[in-house]
Amino acid sequence: MKKRVLSSFLPLILFLLLTTVIAFAEEESKKDVPKIGMKFYLQGSSLANSNNPSSNLNDYRILDQKANSINLDLVEAFVYKDATKDSSLGFRVKLVGGETARYIHARGLCANPDNQFDVYETNVTWAIPGDGKMKLTVGKMATFIGAEVIEAADNPNYSRSYLFNYAEPVTHTGAKLSYDFSSKVSASAYYVNGWDNFADNNNARSIGFSLGLTPSDSFSTSFNILTGPEQDRNTKDNRFLFDWVGTIKPCKNLTFLLNYDYGTEQNVLPDGGKATWNGFSGIAKYDFNDKFSLAVRGEQFSDPDGYRTGVSQTLKEFTLSPQFKVNDHILIRPEYRYDCSDKKSFNDGKSKNQSTYGIGVMVNF
C-alpha cells in the first residue's frame, strides 16, 4: 500500500523537485561558479526480425526488444551541476520515459514495472574541502560497471551488448567516494544497496571498487569490482562481478572499445551450487569524416548454468552500425545485427539464431 501511495505522488514530487532546481539555477547563474546545465534527449527506432516472432519480441534483447514496430525508446530530461573546489555542492537529476524506462526500474522505486517513467539518477555530490579532488556522492546513480550506457547516442552501436543486458547492473543507490590522484589516475569506492535496488532486498550492502588509468591520450582503462549479497532476505550468499573496460585510439579516427566481465553467485542453482557467467565484447569505430562513421561489434557471452539468460548456452553476436550526423543535434544510425546460440533458444526454441535490421534516430537539444 505504501508503495502505491509513493508511486501516485512521485510525479508531483519530481515536478516540485525540478521547479526547485530551476529556481536554484537562476540564482546560481548570477554567481561566478560552474553553471547549472540542462539537456534534453530522445531516441526512437524501428527493427525487423528475420524470424518474424509471433511475440513481436527480439530474443535476448532488453532495451531494443520490440520487433516489427516503431518505438519511442527514450525521452530524457537531465539537470546537473558539477562539484568543484570553488563550488563544493553539485547534483544530477535524470528523468527518463519511453520503452527504456520500463526495463531499468530499480526495485523499490516504482510499484508498476510497466510504467514508462523512471528516475534514472538523482544524487548530490560534495567536493570535500581542500583541492577538490576528493568527492562524496550520495543517492541513485548510473552504474560504474561496463562500457555502455542507456543513451544510444553515447554508444557506438544502437543496440546494447549481452554484457549490458545480462552481465552487469544498471543503477546503484547508496554512496560513492572518489579521488582523482592526477589526470592519469583516479579511484572510487562504493557502498550501495546492490544491483538495481532502490530499496534493498536484504539487510546487507554491496561494496564496489573502481580504478581508472589514462596513461596516454591513446589509451585508457578501468578495473571494477562489485560484491555483496543480492538474494532476497539472504545476507550470506554473495554475487561477485569483475569488469574491465579498455579504450584504445591508435590514430585520430579509429577507436577500439573493449569490455570483459566475469561474474559468480553462490547458492543459486537447483543443487545449491554456484553460478558463473562471463563474456567479452569488442567494438571498432572509424570516423570517415565529421558526418559519417562506422562501428562494428563482436561479442561472446557464456552462461553455462543458464542463470542469467534462462538457458545453459553460449551466445554470440555481430553488429554493424553506420552512423550519419545530420547536424549537431541529430544522429541517424541504421543497424544490422546477427545473434546466435549453441542451443535452439531463439523463436520459442525453433532456431539457433536471429537477424535484426532497422534504424535508430537520436536527438540532443
Protein backbone atom coordinates (compact mmCIF):
# COMPACT_ATOMS: atom_id res chain seq x y z
CA MET A 1 0.00 0.00 0.00
CA LYS A 2 2.82 2.39 0.88
CA LYS A 3 4.50 1.67 -2.48
CA ARG A 4 1.27 2.51 -4.32
CA VAL A 5 0.94 5.81 -2.45
CA LEU A 6 4.57 6.68 -3.24
CA SER A 7 4.04 5.81 -6.90
CA SER A 8 0.93 8.02 -7.07
CA PHE A 9 2.67 11.06 -5.65
CA LEU A 10 6.00 10.51 -7.42
CA PRO A 11 5.22 12.70 -10.48
CA LEU A 12 4.19 15.59 -8.20
CA ILE A 13 7.29 15.19 -6.06
CA LEU A 14 9.51 15.21 -9.13
CA PHE A 15 7.75 18.25 -10.57
CA LEU A 16 8.39 20.15 -7.34
CA LEU A 17 11.99 18.96 -7.37
CA LEU A 18 12.55 20.20 -10.92
CA THR A 19 10.87 23.53 -10.12
CA THR A 20 13.21 23.99 -7.16
CA VAL A 21 16.24 23.06 -9.25
CA ILE A 22 15.32 25.55 -11.99
CA ALA A 23 14.81 28.33 -9.43
CA PHE A 24 18.16 27.48 -7.89
CA ALA A 25 19.74 27.53 -11.36
CA GLU A 26 18.58 31.10 -11.91
CA GLU A 27 20.25 32.20 -8.67
CA GLU A 28 23.43 30.26 -9.36
CA SER A 29 23.73 31.72 -12.86
CA LYS A 30 24.42 35.10 -11.27
CA LYS A 31 27.49 33.75 -9.48
CA ASP A 32 30.98 33.03 -10.79
CA VAL A 33 30.72 29.26 -10.26
CA PRO A 34 30.05 26.28 -12.53
CA LYS A 35 26.63 26.86 -14.06
CA ILE A 36 23.71 24.51 -13.83
CA GLY A 37 23.23 22.67 -17.10
CA MET A 38 20.11 21.25 -18.65
CA LYS A 39 19.89 18.76 -21.51
CA PHE A 40 17.05 17.04 -23.32
CA TYR A 41 17.41 13.87 -25.33
CA LEU A 42 15.19 11.45 -27.21
CA GLN A 43 15.68 8.37 -29.34
CA GLY A 44 13.42 6.15 -31.39
CA SER A 45 13.85 3.10 -33.58
CA SER A 46 12.22 0.55 -35.84
CA LEU A 47 13.54 -3.02 -36.07
CA ALA A 48 12.56 -6.02 -38.17
CA ASN A 49 13.32 -9.59 -37.09
CA SER A 50 14.13 -12.30 -39.64
CA ASN A 51 12.36 -14.94 -37.51
CA ASN A 52 9.15 -12.89 -37.57
CA PRO A 53 8.38 -13.97 -33.97
CA SER A 54 4.72 -14.21 -33.02
CA SER A 55 5.52 -12.34 -29.81
CA ASN A 56 6.99 -9.43 -31.81
CA LEU A 57 9.96 -9.51 -29.43
CA ASN A 58 13.67 -9.80 -30.21
CA ASP A 59 15.10 -12.62 -28.10
CA TYR A 60 17.81 -11.75 -25.55
CA ARG A 61 17.50 -8.04 -26.18
CA ILE A 62 16.46 -5.70 -23.38
CA LEU A 63 16.34 -2.03 -24.39
CA ASP A 64 15.52 -2.81 -28.04
CA GLN A 65 13.35 -5.88 -27.59
CA LYS A 66 10.30 -4.83 -29.65
CA ALA A 67 10.32 -6.12 -33.22
CA ASN A 68 8.31 -5.10 -36.27
CA SER A 69 7.12 -1.80 -34.80
CA ILE A 70 8.07 1.85 -34.49
CA ASN A 71 9.25 2.61 -30.95
CA LEU A 72 9.83 5.71 -28.86
CA ASP A 73 12.66 4.20 -26.87
CA LEU A 74 13.84 7.02 -24.65
CA VAL A 75 12.84 10.56 -23.64
CA GLU A 76 15.21 12.15 -21.17
CA ALA A 77 15.50 15.38 -19.17
CA PHE A 78 18.82 15.93 -17.42
CA VAL A 79 19.67 18.71 -14.96
CA TYR A 80 23.12 18.82 -13.41
CA LYS A 81 25.80 20.90 -11.74
CA ASP A 82 29.42 19.85 -11.22
CA ALA A 83 31.00 19.97 -7.78
CA THR A 84 34.40 21.72 -7.70
CA LYS A 85 36.66 23.18 -5.03
CA ASP A 86 35.14 26.60 -5.77
CA SER A 87 31.57 25.29 -5.77
CA SER A 88 31.51 22.40 -3.34
CA LEU A 89 27.99 21.10 -3.98
CA GLY A 90 26.79 19.53 -7.22
CA PHE A 91 23.93 17.32 -8.26
CA ARG A 92 22.45 15.18 -11.05
CA VAL A 93 18.76 14.61 -11.76
CA LYS A 94 17.95 12.48 -14.80
CA LEU A 95 14.31 11.67 -15.57
CA VAL A 96 13.54 9.21 -18.37
CA GLY A 97 10.46 7.94 -20.17
CA GLY A 98 9.59 5.63 -23.06
CA GLU A 99 10.18 1.93 -23.62
CA THR A 100 13.62 2.04 -21.97
CA ALA A 101 12.14 3.23 -18.68
CA ARG A 102 10.10 0.01 -18.41
CA TYR A 103 13.24 -2.14 -18.26
CA ILE A 104 15.56 -0.16 -15.98
CA HIS A 105 13.38 0.40 -12.89
CA ALA A 106 15.27 -0.02 -9.64
CA ARG A 107 13.45 -2.32 -7.26
CA GLY A 108 11.52 -0.43 -4.61
CA LEU A 109 11.13 2.81 -6.58
CA CYS A 110 8.29 2.02 -8.98
CA ALA A 111 5.26 -0.03 -7.93
CA ASN A 112 4.24 -0.69 -11.55
CA PRO A 113 7.06 -2.37 -13.52
CA ASP A 114 5.39 -1.44 -16.83
CA ASN A 115 5.42 2.27 -16.01
CA GLN A 116 7.10 4.17 -18.86
CA PHE A 117 8.69 6.66 -16.47
CA ASP A 118 11.75 6.34 -14.28
CA VAL A 119 14.03 8.42 -12.07
CA TYR A 120 17.24 7.11 -13.56
CA GLU A 121 19.57 9.28 -11.48
CA THR A 122 19.08 11.62 -8.56
CA ASN A 123 22.11 12.36 -6.40
CA VAL A 124 24.13 15.05 -4.68
CA THR A 125 27.92 15.41 -4.79
CA TRP A 126 30.07 17.21 -2.22
CA ALA A 127 33.62 18.24 -3.12
CA ILE A 128 35.39 17.74 0.21
CA PRO A 129 37.23 20.95 1.24
CA GLY A 130 40.83 21.12 0.06
CA ASP A 131 41.97 20.69 -3.51
CA GLY A 132 38.58 19.43 -4.69
CA LYS A 133 39.98 16.05 -5.76
CA MET A 134 38.01 14.02 -3.24
CA LYS A 135 34.24 13.88 -3.68
CA LEU A 136 31.36 12.17 -1.93
CA THR A 137 28.22 11.31 -3.91
CA VAL A 138 25.00 10.12 -2.25
CA GLY A 139 21.81 8.99 -3.98
CA LYS A 140 20.79 6.96 -7.01
CA MET A 141 23.41 6.81 -9.74
CA ALA A 142 24.19 5.05 -13.01
CA THR A 143 26.44 2.03 -12.62
CA PHE A 144 30.20 2.35 -12.84
CA ILE A 145 30.32 -1.08 -14.48
CA GLY A 146 30.66 -1.69 -18.22
CA ALA A 147 31.41 0.15 -21.45
CA GLU A 148 27.86 1.12 -22.50
CA VAL A 149 25.13 3.42 -21.18
CA ILE A 150 21.36 3.68 -21.74
CA GLU A 151 21.67 6.61 -24.19
CA ALA A 152 22.39 5.11 -27.61
CA ALA A 153 24.00 8.36 -28.82
CA ASP A 154 26.82 7.82 -26.32
CA ASN A 155 27.46 4.25 -27.54
CA PRO A 156 28.99 3.21 -30.87
CA ASN A 157 26.03 0.88 -31.61
CA TYR A 158 22.29 1.40 -31.21
CA SER A 159 21.59 -1.97 -29.57
CA ARG A 160 23.33 -2.99 -26.33
CA SER A 161 25.67 -5.89 -25.84
CA TYR A 162 24.83 -9.09 -23.96
CA LEU A 163 27.17 -7.83 -21.26
CA PHE A 164 24.99 -4.77 -20.71
CA ASN A 165 21.83 -6.89 -20.74
CA TYR A 166 22.87 -9.90 -18.64
CA ALA A 167 26.28 -9.49 -17.01
CA GLU A 168 26.03 -6.05 -15.42
CA PRO A 169 23.77 -3.88 -13.22
CA VAL A 170 22.15 -0.66 -14.46
CA THR A 171 21.97 1.55 -11.36
CA HIS A 172 23.03 1.73 -7.72
CA THR A 173 21.58 3.56 -4.73
CA GLY A 174 24.00 4.45 -1.96
CA ALA A 175 27.28 6.31 -1.56
CA LYS A 176 30.39 6.79 -3.69
CA LEU A 177 33.71 8.21 -2.51
CA SER A 178 36.09 9.17 -5.34
CA TYR A 179 39.58 10.67 -5.53
CA ASP A 180 41.49 12.00 -8.53
CA PHE A 181 45.15 11.32 -7.80
CA SER A 182 46.10 13.02 -11.06
CA SER A 183 44.82 13.44 -14.61
CA LYS A 184 46.04 9.89 -15.23
CA VAL A 185 44.87 8.01 -12.10
CA SER A 186 41.52 8.00 -10.28
CA ALA A 187 39.81 5.65 -7.85
CA SER A 188 36.35 5.20 -6.33
CA ALA A 189 34.75 3.14 -3.57
CA TYR A 190 31.03 2.30 -3.42
CA TYR A 191 28.70 1.32 -0.58
CA VAL A 192 25.32 0.59 -2.18
CA ASN A 193 22.10 -1.39 -1.91
CA GLY A 194 23.32 -3.64 -4.71
CA TRP A 195 22.19 -4.32 -8.27
CA ASP A 196 19.26 -2.15 -9.31
CA ASN A 197 17.84 -1.90 -5.80
CA PHE A 198 16.45 1.45 -4.65
CA ALA A 199 15.19 -0.26 -1.50
CA ASP A 200 17.43 -3.15 -0.51
CA ASN A 201 16.03 -6.68 -0.53
CA ASN A 202 18.13 -7.83 2.45
CA ASN A 203 19.99 -6.37 5.40
CA ALA A 204 23.44 -6.21 3.81
CA ARG A 205 25.06 -3.78 1.40
CA SER A 206 27.25 -4.39 -1.65
CA ILE A 207 30.75 -2.94 -1.92
CA GLY A 208 32.43 -1.79 -5.11
CA PHE A 209 35.83 -0.51 -6.17
CA SER A 210 36.95 1.17 -9.39
CA LEU A 211 40.42 2.12 -10.61
CA GLY A 212 40.76 4.31 -13.71
CA LEU A 213 44.04 4.74 -15.58
CA THR A 214 44.77 7.06 -18.52
CA PRO A 215 48.49 6.66 -19.25
CA SER A 216 48.21 8.47 -22.61
CA ASP A 217 45.73 10.13 -24.95
CA SER A 218 45.61 6.92 -26.99
CA PHE A 219 44.80 4.51 -24.13
CA SER A 220 42.57 4.45 -21.06
CA THR A 221 41.30 1.61 -18.91
CA SER A 222 39.28 0.85 -15.79
CA PHE A 223 39.17 -2.13 -13.42
CA ASN A 224 35.93 -2.56 -11.49
CA ILE A 225 34.76 -4.95 -8.77
CA LEU A 226 31.33 -5.27 -7.15
CA THR A 227 30.48 -7.83 -4.49
CA GLY A 228 27.72 -8.43 -1.95
CA PRO A 229 24.57 -10.48 -1.24
CA GLU A 230 21.79 -9.89 -3.79
CA GLN A 231 19.22 -12.56 -2.94
CA ASP A 232 16.00 -11.75 -1.06
CA ARG A 233 16.38 -11.94 2.72
CA ASN A 234 19.79 -13.58 2.30
CA THR A 235 22.93 -11.94 3.68
CA LYS A 236 25.30 -14.91 3.31
CA ASP A 237 25.49 -15.82 -0.37
CA ASN A 238 27.37 -13.23 -2.40
CA ARG A 239 27.26 -12.16 -6.01
CA PHE A 240 30.67 -11.14 -7.39
CA LEU A 241 31.49 -9.26 -10.58
CA PHE A 242 34.82 -8.28 -12.12
CA ASP A 243 34.61 -5.83 -15.01
CA TRP A 244 37.34 -4.48 -17.29
CA VAL A 245 36.97 -1.73 -19.88
CA GLY A 246 39.70 -0.56 -22.26
CA THR A 247 39.67 2.22 -24.86
CA ILE A 248 42.41 2.32 -27.49
CA LYS A 249 42.88 5.05 -30.10
CA PRO A 250 45.77 4.02 -32.38
CA CYS A 251 45.03 7.02 -34.61
CA LYS A 252 42.73 10.03 -34.63
CA ASN A 253 39.82 8.44 -36.50
CA LEU A 254 39.93 4.88 -35.13
CA THR A 255 38.72 3.75 -31.68
CA PHE A 256 38.60 0.29 -30.11
CA LEU A 257 36.30 -0.22 -27.10
CA LEU A 258 36.85 -3.49 -25.21
CA ASN A 259 34.86 -4.94 -22.30
CA TYR A 260 35.27 -8.14 -20.28
CA ASP A 261 33.05 -9.41 -17.43
CA TYR A 262 33.30 -12.36 -15.08
CA GLY A 263 30.57 -12.98 -12.52
CA THR A 264 29.58 -15.57 -9.93
CA GLU A 265 26.78 -16.03 -7.41
CA GLN A 266 26.68 -18.52 -4.56
CA ASN A 267 23.91 -20.99 -3.83
CA VAL A 268 21.53 -20.15 -6.69
CA LEU A 269 21.49 -23.38 -8.71
CA PRO A 270 18.92 -26.14 -8.08
CA ASP A 271 21.59 -28.29 -6.44
CA GLY A 272 22.78 -25.38 -4.28
CA GLY A 273 25.83 -24.77 -6.43
CA LYS A 274 27.48 -21.56 -7.59
CA ALA A 275 26.54 -19.98 -10.92
CA THR A 276 29.12 -18.36 -13.18
CA TRP A 277 28.96 -16.22 -16.31
CA ASN A 278 31.49 -14.38 -18.43
CA GLY A 279 31.78 -12.54 -21.71
CA PHE A 280 33.86 -10.31 -23.93
CA SER A 281 32.78 -7.52 -26.25
CA GLY A 282 34.97 -5.74 -28.79
CA ILE A 283 33.91 -2.66 -30.75
CA ALA A 284 35.82 -0.91 -33.53
CA LYS A 285 34.62 2.51 -34.70
CA TYR A 286 36.07 4.50 -37.59
CA ASP A 287 35.20 8.13 -38.32
CA PHE A 288 35.49 8.66 -42.06
CA ASN A 289 34.73 12.36 -41.64
CA ASP A 290 32.69 14.67 -39.39
CA LYS A 291 29.42 13.35 -40.81
CA PHE A 292 29.88 9.61 -41.27
CA SER A 293 31.27 6.80 -39.12
CA LEU A 294 31.02 3.02 -38.93
CA ALA A 295 31.02 0.83 -35.80
CA VAL A 296 31.41 -2.96 -35.73
CA ARG A 297 30.86 -5.06 -32.60
CA GLY A 298 31.64 -8.71 -31.97
CA GLU A 299 30.77 -10.45 -28.73
CA GLN A 300 30.54 -13.74 -26.90
CA PHE A 301 28.63 -14.33 -23.67
CA SER A 302 28.85 -17.65 -21.83
CA ASP A 303 26.07 -18.67 -19.41
CA PRO A 304 26.93 -22.33 -18.68
CA ASP A 305 24.44 -22.63 -15.81
CA GLY A 306 21.61 -20.76 -17.52
CA TYR A 307 21.38 -18.45 -14.51
CA ARG A 308 21.47 -15.14 -16.38
CA THR A 309 19.61 -15.94 -19.62
CA GLY A 310 17.45 -18.87 -18.50
CA VAL A 311 19.20 -21.33 -20.86
CA SER A 312 22.54 -23.08 -20.48
CA GLN A 313 24.21 -21.65 -23.57
CA THR A 314 26.87 -19.53 -25.22
CA LEU A 315 25.56 -16.52 -27.12
CA LYS A 316 27.40 -14.68 -29.86
CA GLU A 317 26.51 -11.59 -31.83
CA PHE A 318 27.83 -9.43 -34.65
CA THR A 319 26.57 -5.86 -35.10
CA LEU A 320 27.16 -3.38 -37.93
CA SER A 321 26.22 0.25 -37.23
CA PRO A 322 26.85 3.04 -39.76
CA GLN A 323 26.11 6.50 -38.43
CA PHE A 324 25.11 9.72 -40.19
CA LYS A 325 25.44 13.01 -38.33
CA VAL A 326 22.80 15.32 -39.77
CA ASN A 327 23.88 18.25 -37.58
CA ASP A 328 24.98 18.92 -34.01
CA HIS A 329 21.61 17.70 -32.72
CA ILE A 330 20.53 14.74 -34.86
CA LEU A 331 22.14 11.32 -35.42
CA ILE A 332 20.75 8.63 -37.71
CA ARG A 333 22.05 5.10 -37.20
CA PRO A 334 20.96 2.13 -39.34
CA GLU A 335 21.90 -1.21 -37.80
CA TYR A 336 22.21 -4.86 -38.75
CA ARG A 337 22.71 -7.46 -36.00
CA TYR A 338 23.14 -11.23 -36.11
CA ASP A 339 22.59 -13.20 -32.87
CA CYS A 340 23.26 -16.90 -32.45
CA SER A 341 23.50 -19.59 -29.77
CA ASP A 342 24.86 -23.11 -29.46
CA LYS A 343 21.31 -24.11 -28.40
CA LYS A 344 17.94 -23.67 -30.06
CA SER A 345 16.92 -20.83 -27.79
CA PHE A 346 15.57 -18.32 -30.34
CA ASN A 347 12.00 -18.05 -31.60
CA ASP A 348 10.45 -20.30 -28.94
CA GLY A 349 13.16 -22.94 -29.29
CA LYS A 350 12.81 -23.29 -33.06
CA SER A 351 16.06 -21.61 -34.10
CA LYS A 352 19.67 -21.11 -33.07
CA ASN A 353 19.83 -17.58 -34.46
CA GLN A 354 18.06 -14.36 -35.38
CA SER A 355 18.87 -11.37 -37.56
CA THR A 356 17.52 -7.89 -36.94
CA TYR A 357 17.83 -4.83 -39.11
CA GLY A 358 16.43 -1.36 -38.75
CA ILE A 359 17.22 2.24 -37.94
CA GLY A 360 17.60 4.42 -34.87
CA VAL A 361 17.28 8.20 -34.60
CA MET A 362 18.80 10.20 -31.72
CA VAL A 363 18.16 13.86 -30.96
CA ASN A 364 20.01 16.10 -28.48
CA PHE A 365 18.82 19.60 -27.58
